[in-house]
Structures are given as C-alpha cells and as structure tokens.
C-alpha cells in the first residue's frame, strides 16, 4: 500500500502576501474614510467630498505600491549581497564554512560528530542553500518579492478605499459622516479579525485593535475638518 503524503501548511507561508494585503486594505479604508469624513465635516458639497476621496484613492494606491516596492527591494538587495558574500566565502574557505555550519548545528543541540555529518551532507547537496537558511535566515517562504508586495498593496488599497468612497456616493448628505464612519469601522473590524485568523492569532484581539486606532483616526480627522471648515 502506498503511504499517504503528509502535507503541512503553516501560517508563516502566508506572511509575504498577507502583510502587504492587510496593510493595503486597512490603509485604503482608513485613509479614504478619514479624508471623506474630514472634508464632509468641513461642510463641503458632495462633489468636493467625492473628488477628494477619489484623489486619495489614486494617490494612496500609487504611494503604497511605490513604498512597498522600494522597501522590499532594499530587503532583497541586502539578501542578494549576503548571498554573494557567502558564495565567495564558500569558494575561498570551504573548510572554515563547513566548521561554521557544524557549529550552528552544535548550538542547536546536536553532538559534534552528528553535526559534522549533517553539515557535510547538506554542503554536498547545496552548500549555499544550507548557509542561507541556517546561517543567514533566508528561506523561500520569507524571501523578499518586491513586485508581489507592490501589486498586492496597490490593489488592496484601492479595494479598501472603494468602500468609503462608494458609501459617500450613495448615502444622503446629512448621513454621510455617520454612515461612512460606521460602515468603514465595521469593515475594518472584519478585516482585522480575518487577518488575525489567517495568521493564527486571536480574531477578537485583531478586530479590537484595528477598530480602536481607526476610530481614533476618523475622530481626529473629523475634528480637524470641522475646525478648519468653520474658520475657513
């Protein structure tokens, strides 16, 4: 009888795209809702509110994409520089690198002889991968992917921003602030719970912390809009 293949899926496999996606969607909702509420609190007309919200959506999506790409590219550059240095060390001092790998395994609990054999076998199989993983902490799961992060951030920001913008377009003007605020906070709470659950954390804690800080952002922005709208 053939043995069933045991497949494990870990939460850390989602880190690369989950971080960028959650950050993008959260920022899209918060920043656009705050912008809409702030402009509306200044007693501006619906057209001004919608133009401001649309501009915020486009600018925010582009900013998120650029920021993620630059940030993750810097991480990728650092990883590549470390790997290039490791290649050189493996070429110029293979014995020293083998002892270094052995020492890593000894520090993790293997006896010296077993650590030596493990280091020799892994070096024979793929020396660079062994050192990248065990010495530098660079793995396929956590490797930097700038384009993926940029596209995920921009797309999820735009999707998140479309929610408060859509609400602002359809609700009566007198209800714009409470409806946009309540709808945005409800979606943010759901997003926080979903992200926490996907990462293996408490859904309630995730929802509460996102809702608290988002409500604070909306409140401060509405206050600024009210003050400047009244004195303008």
Protein backbone atom coordinates (compact mmCIF):
# COMPACT_ATOMS: atom_id res chain seq x y z
CA UNK A 1 0.00 0.00 0.00
CA UNK A 2 1.39 3.45 -0.88
CA UNK A 3 1.85 5.76 2.05
CA UNK A 4 -0.29 8.85 2.21
CA UNK A 5 1.67 12.03 1.68
CA UNK A 6 1.69 14.17 4.80
CA UNK A 7 1.32 17.82 3.81
CA UNK A 8 1.62 20.58 6.37
CA UNK A 9 0.56 24.18 5.78
CA UNK A 10 1.94 26.75 8.17
CA UNK A 11 0.83 30.30 8.89
CA UNK A 12 4.30 31.62 8.11
CA UNK A 13 3.81 30.63 4.47
CA UNK A 14 1.28 33.46 4.21
CA UNK A 15 3.48 36.19 5.65
CA UNK A 16 4.77 37.52 2.33
CA UNK A 17 1.43 38.38 0.75
CA UNK A 18 -0.69 38.63 3.91
CA UNK A 19 1.26 41.54 5.37
CA UNK A 20 1.08 43.61 2.20
CA UNK A 21 -2.57 42.77 1.52
CA UNK A 22 -3.80 43.55 5.03
CA UNK A 23 -1.75 46.72 5.26
CA UNK A 24 -3.02 47.91 1.88
CA UNK A 25 -6.70 47.23 2.57
CA UNK A 26 -6.53 48.69 6.07
CA UNK A 27 -4.82 51.87 4.86
CA UNK A 28 -7.24 52.17 1.96
CA UNK A 29 -10.28 52.12 4.21
CA UNK A 30 -8.84 54.26 6.99
CA UNK A 31 -7.20 56.98 4.92
CA UNK A 32 -10.05 57.36 2.43
CA UNK A 33 -12.76 57.23 5.10
CA UNK A 34 -10.87 59.77 7.17
CA UNK A 35 -10.44 62.00 4.12
CA UNK A 36 -14.12 61.75 3.22
CA UNK A 37 -15.25 62.39 6.79
CA UNK A 38 -12.82 65.28 7.23
CA UNK A 39 -13.91 67.04 4.04
CA UNK A 40 -17.58 66.39 4.82
CA UNK A 41 -17.11 67.78 8.34
CA UNK A 42 -15.86 71.00 6.76
CA UNK A 43 -19.38 71.31 5.30
CA UNK A 44 -18.20 70.80 1.74
CA UNK A 45 -20.55 69.64 -1.01
CA UNK A 46 -20.82 66.01 -2.09
CA UNK A 47 -18.82 66.65 -5.28
CA UNK A 48 -15.90 68.01 -3.25
CA UNK A 49 -16.06 65.01 -0.95
CA UNK A 50 -16.06 62.55 -3.84
CA UNK A 51 -13.25 64.30 -5.70
CA UNK A 52 -11.14 64.34 -2.55
CA UNK A 53 -11.88 60.67 -1.91
CA UNK A 54 -11.08 59.65 -5.49
CA UNK A 55 -7.84 61.60 -5.42
CA UNK A 56 -6.97 59.93 -2.14
CA UNK A 57 -7.66 56.50 -3.64
CA UNK A 58 -5.39 57.04 -6.65
CA UNK A 59 -2.63 58.78 -4.72
CA UNK A 60 -2.75 56.26 -1.89
CA UNK A 61 -2.62 53.22 -4.17
CA UNK A 62 0.37 54.61 -6.05
CA UNK A 63 2.08 55.61 -2.82
CA UNK A 64 1.54 52.17 -1.29
CA UNK A 65 2.89 50.44 -4.38
CA UNK A 66 5.96 52.65 -4.55
CA UNK A 67 6.63 52.42 -0.83
CA UNK A 68 6.31 48.64 -0.72
CA UNK A 69 8.42 48.18 -3.82
CA UNK A 70 11.23 50.38 -2.52
CA UNK A 71 11.13 48.88 0.96
CA UNK A 72 11.05 45.26 -0.14
CA UNK A 73 13.62 45.93 -2.88
CA UNK A 74 16.00 47.17 -0.20
CA UNK A 75 15.45 43.93 1.70
CA UNK A 76 16.03 41.92 -1.50
CA UNK A 77 19.23 43.84 -2.22
CA UNK A 78 20.52 43.06 1.27
CA UNK A 79 19.67 39.38 0.86
CA UNK A 80 21.45 39.20 -2.50
CA UNK A 81 24.51 40.96 -1.11
CA UNK A 82 24.68 38.47 1.77
CA UNK A 83 24.30 35.54 -0.62
CA UNK A 84 27.03 36.90 -2.90
CA UNK A 85 29.35 37.23 0.08
CA UNK A 86 28.51 33.70 1.19
CA UNK A 87 29.29 32.34 -2.28
CA UNK A 88 32.71 33.94 -2.10
CA UNK A 89 33.40 32.51 1.33
CA UNK A 90 32.32 29.04 0.23
CA UNK A 91 34.68 29.30 -2.74
CA UNK A 92 37.67 30.72 -0.84
CA UNK A 93 37.38 28.99 2.54
CA UNK A 94 35.18 25.88 2.26
CA UNK A 95 36.68 24.19 5.33
CA UNK A 96 36.02 27.19 7.53
CA UNK A 97 32.45 27.40 6.23
CA UNK A 98 31.93 23.72 6.96
CA UNK A 99 33.12 24.21 10.54
CA UNK A 100 30.85 27.23 10.84
CA UNK A 101 27.86 25.19 9.72
CA UNK A 102 28.83 22.42 12.14
CA UNK A 103 28.99 24.95 14.97
CA UNK A 104 25.49 26.15 14.16
CA UNK A 105 24.10 22.63 14.47
CA UNK A 106 26.02 22.01 17.69
CA UNK A 107 24.48 25.17 19.15
CA UNK A 108 21.06 23.77 18.25
CA UNK A 109 21.60 20.60 20.23
CA UNK A 110 23.44 18.08 18.03
CA UNK A 111 26.63 16.43 19.22
CA UNK A 112 29.81 17.38 17.36
CA UNK A 113 30.08 14.20 15.29
CA UNK A 114 26.47 14.23 14.15
CA UNK A 115 26.64 17.97 13.46
CA UNK A 116 29.71 17.37 11.30
CA UNK A 117 27.98 14.66 9.28
CA UNK A 118 24.87 16.79 8.81
CA UNK A 119 26.97 19.76 7.73
CA UNK A 120 28.92 17.62 5.26
CA UNK A 121 25.79 16.10 3.71
CA UNK A 122 23.99 19.43 3.38
CA UNK A 123 27.11 21.04 1.95
CA UNK A 124 27.42 18.27 -0.61
CA UNK A 125 23.77 18.68 -1.56
CA UNK A 126 23.58 22.51 -1.73
CA UNK A 127 26.09 24.43 0.34
CA UNK A 128 24.70 27.89 -0.42
CA UNK A 129 21.13 26.94 0.48
CA UNK A 130 22.30 25.42 3.76
CA UNK A 131 24.18 28.55 4.76
CA UNK A 132 21.40 30.85 3.51
CA UNK A 133 18.85 29.02 5.63
CA UNK A 134 20.82 28.19 8.77
CA UNK A 135 23.37 31.00 8.93
CA UNK A 136 21.60 33.94 7.29
CA UNK A 137 17.97 33.00 7.97
CA UNK A 138 16.97 33.42 4.31
CA UNK A 139 14.33 30.93 3.17
CA UNK A 140 12.00 30.63 0.20
CA UNK A 141 8.99 31.43 2.40
CA UNK A 142 10.45 34.68 3.72
CA UNK A 143 12.35 35.79 0.64
CA UNK A 144 11.67 39.38 -0.44
CA UNK A 145 9.43 39.77 -3.51
CA UNK A 146 9.17 43.49 -4.34
CA UNK A 147 6.77 43.27 -7.29
CA UNK A 148 4.38 40.95 -5.49
CA UNK A 149 4.32 43.20 -2.44
CA UNK A 150 3.81 46.35 -4.54
CA UNK A 151 0.93 44.93 -6.58
CA UNK A 152 -0.76 43.43 -3.51
CA UNK A 153 -0.53 46.73 -1.62
CA UNK A 154 -1.84 48.86 -4.50
CA UNK A 155 -4.71 46.51 -5.35
CA UNK A 156 -5.89 46.01 -1.79
CA UNK A 157 -5.57 49.73 -1.03
CA UNK A 158 -7.81 50.52 -4.00
CA UNK A 159 -10.36 47.89 -2.96
CA UNK A 160 -10.37 49.17 0.61
CA UNK A 161 -10.65 52.80 -0.47
CA UNK A 162 -13.59 51.99 -2.76
CA UNK A 163 -15.76 51.14 0.27
CA UNK A 164 -15.98 54.56 1.97
CA UNK A 165 -15.97 56.25 -1.43
CA UNK A 166 -18.93 54.15 -2.57
CA UNK A 167 -20.83 54.87 0.64
CA UNK A 168 -20.19 58.60 0.24
CA UNK A 169 -21.62 58.46 -3.27
CA UNK A 170 -24.94 56.83 -2.34
CA UNK A 171 -25.96 57.91 1.17
CA UNK A 172 -27.88 61.14 1.84
CA UNK A 173 -25.60 64.09 2.54
CA UNK A 174 -26.88 64.51 6.10
CA UNK A 175 -25.96 60.89 6.92
CA UNK A 176 -22.63 60.84 5.14
CA UNK A 177 -20.39 61.16 8.18
CA UNK A 178 -22.11 58.58 10.46
CA UNK A 179 -22.72 56.05 7.67
CA UNK A 180 -19.21 56.25 6.22
CA UNK A 181 -17.69 56.07 9.70
CA UNK A 182 -19.85 53.15 10.87
CA UNK A 183 -19.52 51.21 7.62
CA UNK A 184 -15.77 51.69 7.48
CA UNK A 185 -15.26 50.66 11.10
CA UNK A 186 -17.40 47.56 10.62
CA UNK A 187 -15.34 46.51 7.60
CA UNK A 188 -12.10 47.28 9.41
CA UNK A 189 -13.17 45.12 12.36
CA UNK A 190 -13.98 42.26 9.97
CA UNK A 191 -10.65 42.75 8.18
CA UNK A 192 -8.76 42.74 11.48
CA UNK A 193 -10.48 39.53 12.57
CA UNK A 194 -9.86 37.89 9.19
CA UNK A 195 -6.19 38.84 9.14
CA UNK A 196 -5.68 37.66 12.71
CA UNK A 197 -7.39 34.36 11.97
CA UNK A 198 -5.32 33.83 8.82
CA UNK A 199 -2.19 34.40 10.89
CA UNK A 200 -3.29 32.08 13.69
CA UNK A 201 -3.91 34.87 16.23
CA UNK A 202 -6.99 35.90 18.22
CA UNK A 203 -9.73 37.24 15.94
CA UNK A 204 -11.25 39.35 18.72
CA UNK A 205 -7.92 40.98 19.58
CA UNK A 206 -7.26 41.68 15.91
CA UNK A 207 -10.68 43.28 15.41
CA UNK A 208 -10.47 45.41 18.56
CA UNK A 209 -7.04 46.89 17.90
CA UNK A 210 -7.87 47.79 14.30
CA UNK A 211 -11.21 49.33 15.26
CA UNK A 212 -9.74 51.40 18.08
CA UNK A 213 -6.97 53.03 16.08
CA UNK A 214 -9.20 53.53 13.04
CA UNK A 215 -11.90 55.20 15.12
CA UNK A 216 -9.26 57.49 16.58
CA UNK A 217 -8.06 58.43 13.09
CA UNK A 218 -11.61 59.17 11.92
CA UNK A 219 -12.36 61.24 15.00
CA UNK A 220 -9.23 63.36 14.76
CA UNK A 221 -9.72 63.98 11.03
CA UNK A 222 -13.38 64.95 11.52
CA UNK A 223 -12.33 67.39 14.26
CA UNK A 224 -9.72 68.98 12.00
CA UNK A 225 -12.24 69.28 9.18
CA UNK A 226 -14.80 70.86 11.48
CA UNK A 227 -12.34 73.38 12.90
CA UNK A 228 -10.89 74.47 9.57
CA UNK A 229 -14.24 74.36 7.84
CA UNK A 230 -15.72 76.64 10.46
CA UNK A 231 -12.86 79.12 10.50
CA UNK A 232 -12.17 78.99 6.71
